[in-house]
Amino acid sequence: MPPKRESDFAEVMVDKLFLESFANEQSAYHTGDGCGAKSPALDKFRNRLRWHIDHSLSKRQKQVIKYYLKGKKERQIAEILGVAQQVVNIYKWRAIKKLKRVMAS
């Protein structure tokens, strides 16, 4: 079995970083039932993450992440943008890497 690469875990990192702690009205996973955790620290994190999505990512990375947050799959995003699915995966992986770096600083 070949060793695992960081890119193999891109889906898991996105799910954890964005969909669990960044549930918002644009996410297909947001239930809107008000049972989500409300805390100033989490709100501050979400606001900072939104800002970095809009200002720290390239145009294509931003498009891919926003479609992903709306619940689109890589294949669907690839069709919308007119690129290969692997290209979408690369943009997503690089966006996640960049967001992790800027959010840690």
C-alpha atoms as a PDB file:
ATOM      1  CA  MET A   1       0.000   0.000   0.000  1.00  0.00           C
ATOM      2  CA  PRO A   2       1.557   3.351  -1.014  1.00  0.00           C
ATOM      3  CA  PRO A   3       2.149   5.959   1.699  1.00  0.00           C
ATOM      4  CA  LYS A   4      -0.578   8.534   2.249  1.00  0.00           C
ATOM      5  CA  ARG A   5      -0.032  12.016   0.870  1.00  0.00           C
ATOM      6  CA  GLU A   6      -1.500  15.189   2.300  1.00  0.00           C
ATOM      7  CA  SER A   7      -3.629  15.577  -0.831  1.00  0.00           C
ATOM      8  CA  ASP A   8      -5.322  12.250   0.000  1.00  0.00           C
ATOM      9  CA  PHE A   9      -6.849  13.915   3.043  1.00  0.00           C
ATOM     10  CA  ALA A  10      -8.041  17.111   1.297  1.00  0.00           C
ATOM     11  CA  GLU A  11     -11.713  16.091   1.477  1.00  0.00           C
ATOM     12  CA  VAL A  12     -11.467  15.357   5.200  1.00  0.00           C
ATOM     13  CA  MET A  13      -9.709  18.656   5.941  1.00  0.00           C
ATOM     14  CA  VAL A  14     -12.305  20.632   4.004  1.00  0.00           C
ATOM     15  CA  ASP A  15     -15.141  18.841   5.772  1.00  0.00           C
ATOM     16  CA  LYS A  16     -13.635  19.510   9.174  1.00  0.00           C
ATOM     17  CA  LEU A  17     -12.446  23.070   8.586  1.00  0.00           C
ATOM     18  CA  PHE A  18     -15.316  24.430   6.538  1.00  0.00           C
ATOM     19  CA  LEU A  19     -18.420  22.354   6.886  1.00  0.00           C
ATOM     20  CA  GLU A  20     -18.352  21.624  10.602  1.00  0.00           C
ATOM     21  CA  SER A  21     -16.948  24.874  11.980  1.00  0.00           C
ATOM     22  CA  PHE A  22     -17.994  27.206   9.171  1.00  0.00           C
ATOM     23  CA  ALA A  23     -21.602  26.175   8.678  1.00  0.00           C
ATOM     24  CA  ASN A  24     -23.412  29.126   7.157  1.00  0.00           C
ATOM     25  CA  GLU A  25     -26.494  29.815   5.122  1.00  0.00           C
ATOM     26  CA  GLN A  26     -24.629  29.056   1.867  1.00  0.00           C
ATOM     27  CA  SER A  27     -23.612  25.561   2.922  1.00  0.00           C
ATOM     28  CA  ALA A  28     -25.818  22.686   1.821  1.00  0.00           C
ATOM     29  CA  TYR A  29     -25.028  21.078   5.179  1.00  0.00           C
ATOM     30  CA  HIS A  30     -26.444  23.925   7.265  1.00  0.00           C
ATOM     31  CA  THR A  31     -29.731  22.909   8.865  1.00  0.00           C
ATOM     32  CA  GLY A  32     -30.781  26.381   9.995  1.00  0.00           C
ATOM     33  CA  ASP A  33     -32.392  24.962  13.135  1.00  0.00           C
ATOM     34  CA  GLY A  34     -30.432  27.223  15.452  1.00  0.00           C
ATOM     35  CA  CYS A  35     -28.789  24.363  17.338  1.00  0.00           C
ATOM     36  CA  GLY A  36     -25.290  25.339  16.163  1.00  0.00           C
ATOM     37  CA  ALA A  37     -22.740  26.491  18.684  1.00  0.00           C
ATOM     38  CA  LYS A  38     -22.906  30.230  19.279  1.00  0.00           C
ATOM     39  CA  SER A  39     -19.798  31.688  20.752  1.00  0.00           C
ATOM     40  CA  PRO A  40     -17.886  34.898  20.173  1.00  0.00           C
ATOM     41  CA  ALA A  41     -14.687  32.944  19.492  1.00  0.00           C
ATOM     42  CA  LEU A  42     -16.355  30.808  16.817  1.00  0.00           C
ATOM     43  CA  ASP A  43     -18.001  33.868  15.247  1.00  0.00           C
ATOM     44  CA  LYS A  44     -14.635  35.621  15.166  1.00  0.00           C
ATOM     45  CA  PHE A  45     -13.073  32.539  13.523  1.00  0.00           C
ATOM     46  CA  ARG A  46     -15.843  32.385  10.906  1.00  0.00           C
ATOM     47  CA  ASN A  47     -15.534  36.103  10.111  1.00  0.00           C
ATOM     48  CA  ARG A  48     -11.782  35.803   9.777  1.00  0.00           C
ATOM     49  CA  LEU A  49     -12.153  32.735   7.569  1.00  0.00           C
ATOM     50  CA  ARG A  50     -14.683  34.534   5.334  1.00  0.00           C
ATOM     51  CA  TRP A  51     -12.304  37.479   5.005  1.00  0.00           C
ATOM     52  CA  HIS A  52      -9.395  35.231   4.048  1.00  0.00           C
ATOM     53  CA  ILE A  53     -11.519  33.311   1.535  1.00  0.00           C
ATOM     54  CA  ASP A  54     -12.359  36.613  -0.160  1.00  0.00           C
ATOM     55  CA  HIS A  55      -8.936  38.263   0.109  1.00  0.00           C
ATOM     56  CA  SER A  56      -6.200  35.618   0.403  1.00  0.00           C
ATOM     57  CA  LEU A  57      -7.159  33.150  -2.321  1.00  0.00           C
ATOM     58  CA  SER A  58      -6.731  33.380  -6.077  1.00  0.00           C
ATOM     59  CA  LYS A  59      -9.839  33.874  -8.204  1.00  0.00           C
ATOM     60  CA  ARG A  60     -10.037  30.186  -9.134  1.00  0.00           C
ATOM     61  CA  GLN A  61      -9.364  28.955  -5.589  1.00  0.00           C
ATOM     62  CA  LYS A  62     -12.128  31.233  -4.328  1.00  0.00           C
ATOM     63  CA  GLN A  63     -14.558  29.916  -6.963  1.00  0.00           C
ATOM     64  CA  VAL A  64     -13.788  26.301  -6.107  1.00  0.00           C
ATOM     65  CA  ILE A  65     -14.126  26.813  -2.339  1.00  0.00           C
ATOM     66  CA  LYS A  66     -17.380  28.772  -2.670  1.00  0.00           C
ATOM     67  CA  TYR A  67     -18.922  26.101  -4.910  1.00  0.00           C
ATOM     68  CA  TYR A  68     -17.731  23.449  -2.473  1.00  0.00           C
ATOM     69  CA  LEU A  69     -19.345  25.318   0.416  1.00  0.00           C
ATOM     70  CA  LYS A  70     -22.600  25.376  -1.540  1.00  0.00           C
ATOM     71  CA  GLY A  71     -22.511  21.574  -1.544  1.00  0.00           C
ATOM     72  CA  LYS A  72     -21.143  20.928  -5.036  1.00  0.00           C
ATOM     73  CA  LYS A  73     -18.933  17.896  -5.632  1.00  0.00           C
ATOM     74  CA  GLU A  74     -15.576  18.105  -7.414  1.00  0.00           C
ATOM     75  CA  ARG A  75     -17.038  16.625 -10.586  1.00  0.00           C
ATOM     76  CA  GLN A  76     -19.855  19.209 -10.648  1.00  0.00           C
ATOM     77  CA  ILE A  77     -17.442  22.075 -10.021  1.00  0.00           C
ATOM     78  CA  ALA A  78     -15.216  20.823 -12.840  1.00  0.00           C
ATOM     79  CA  GLU A  79     -18.168  20.853 -15.231  1.00  0.00           C
ATOM     80  CA  ILE A  80     -19.204  24.367 -14.175  1.00  0.00           C
ATOM     81  CA  LEU A  81     -15.692  25.780 -14.535  1.00  0.00           C
ATOM     82  CA  GLY A  82     -14.854  23.783 -17.655  1.00  0.00           C
ATOM     83  CA  VAL A  83     -11.745  22.115 -16.233  1.00  0.00           C
ATOM     84  CA  ALA A  84     -10.728  18.582 -15.274  1.00  0.00           C
ATOM     85  CA  GLN A  85     -11.762  17.189 -11.896  1.00  0.00           C
ATOM     86  CA  GLN A  86      -8.089  16.816 -10.933  1.00  0.00           C
ATOM     87  CA  VAL A  87      -7.599  20.561 -11.537  1.00  0.00           C
ATOM     88  CA  VAL A  88     -10.461  21.302  -9.132  1.00  0.00           C
ATOM     89  CA  ASN A  89      -8.841  19.001  -6.566  1.00  0.00           C
ATOM     90  CA  ILE A  90      -5.534  20.858  -6.938  1.00  0.00           C
ATOM     91  CA  TYR A  91      -7.185  24.286  -6.520  1.00  0.00           C
ATOM     92  CA  LYS A  92      -9.077  23.033  -3.466  1.00  0.00           C
ATOM     93  CA  TRP A  93      -5.970  21.472  -1.907  1.00  0.00           C
ATOM     94  CA  ARG A  94      -3.917  24.645  -2.457  1.00  0.00           C
ATOM     95  CA  ALA A  95      -6.711  26.836  -1.077  1.00  0.00           C
ATOM     96  CA  ILE A  96      -6.958  24.689   2.047  1.00  0.00           C
ATOM     97  CA  LYS A  97      -3.192  24.797   2.509  1.00  0.00           C
ATOM     98  CA  LYS A  98      -3.163  28.587   2.114  1.00  0.00           C
ATOM     99  CA  LEU A  99      -6.122  29.069   4.480  1.00  0.00           C
ATOM    100  CA  LYS A 100      -4.538  26.857   7.120  1.00  0.00           C
ATOM    101  CA  ARG A 101      -1.352  28.911   6.876  1.00  0.00           C
ATOM    102  CA  VAL A 102      -3.032  32.343   7.106  1.00  0.00           C
ATOM    103  CA  MET A 103      -5.450  31.253   9.821  1.00  0.00           C
ATOM    104  CA  ALA A 104      -2.590  29.907  11.959  1.00  0.00           C
ATOM    105  CA  SER A 105      -0.731  33.215  11.897  1.00  0.00           C
END
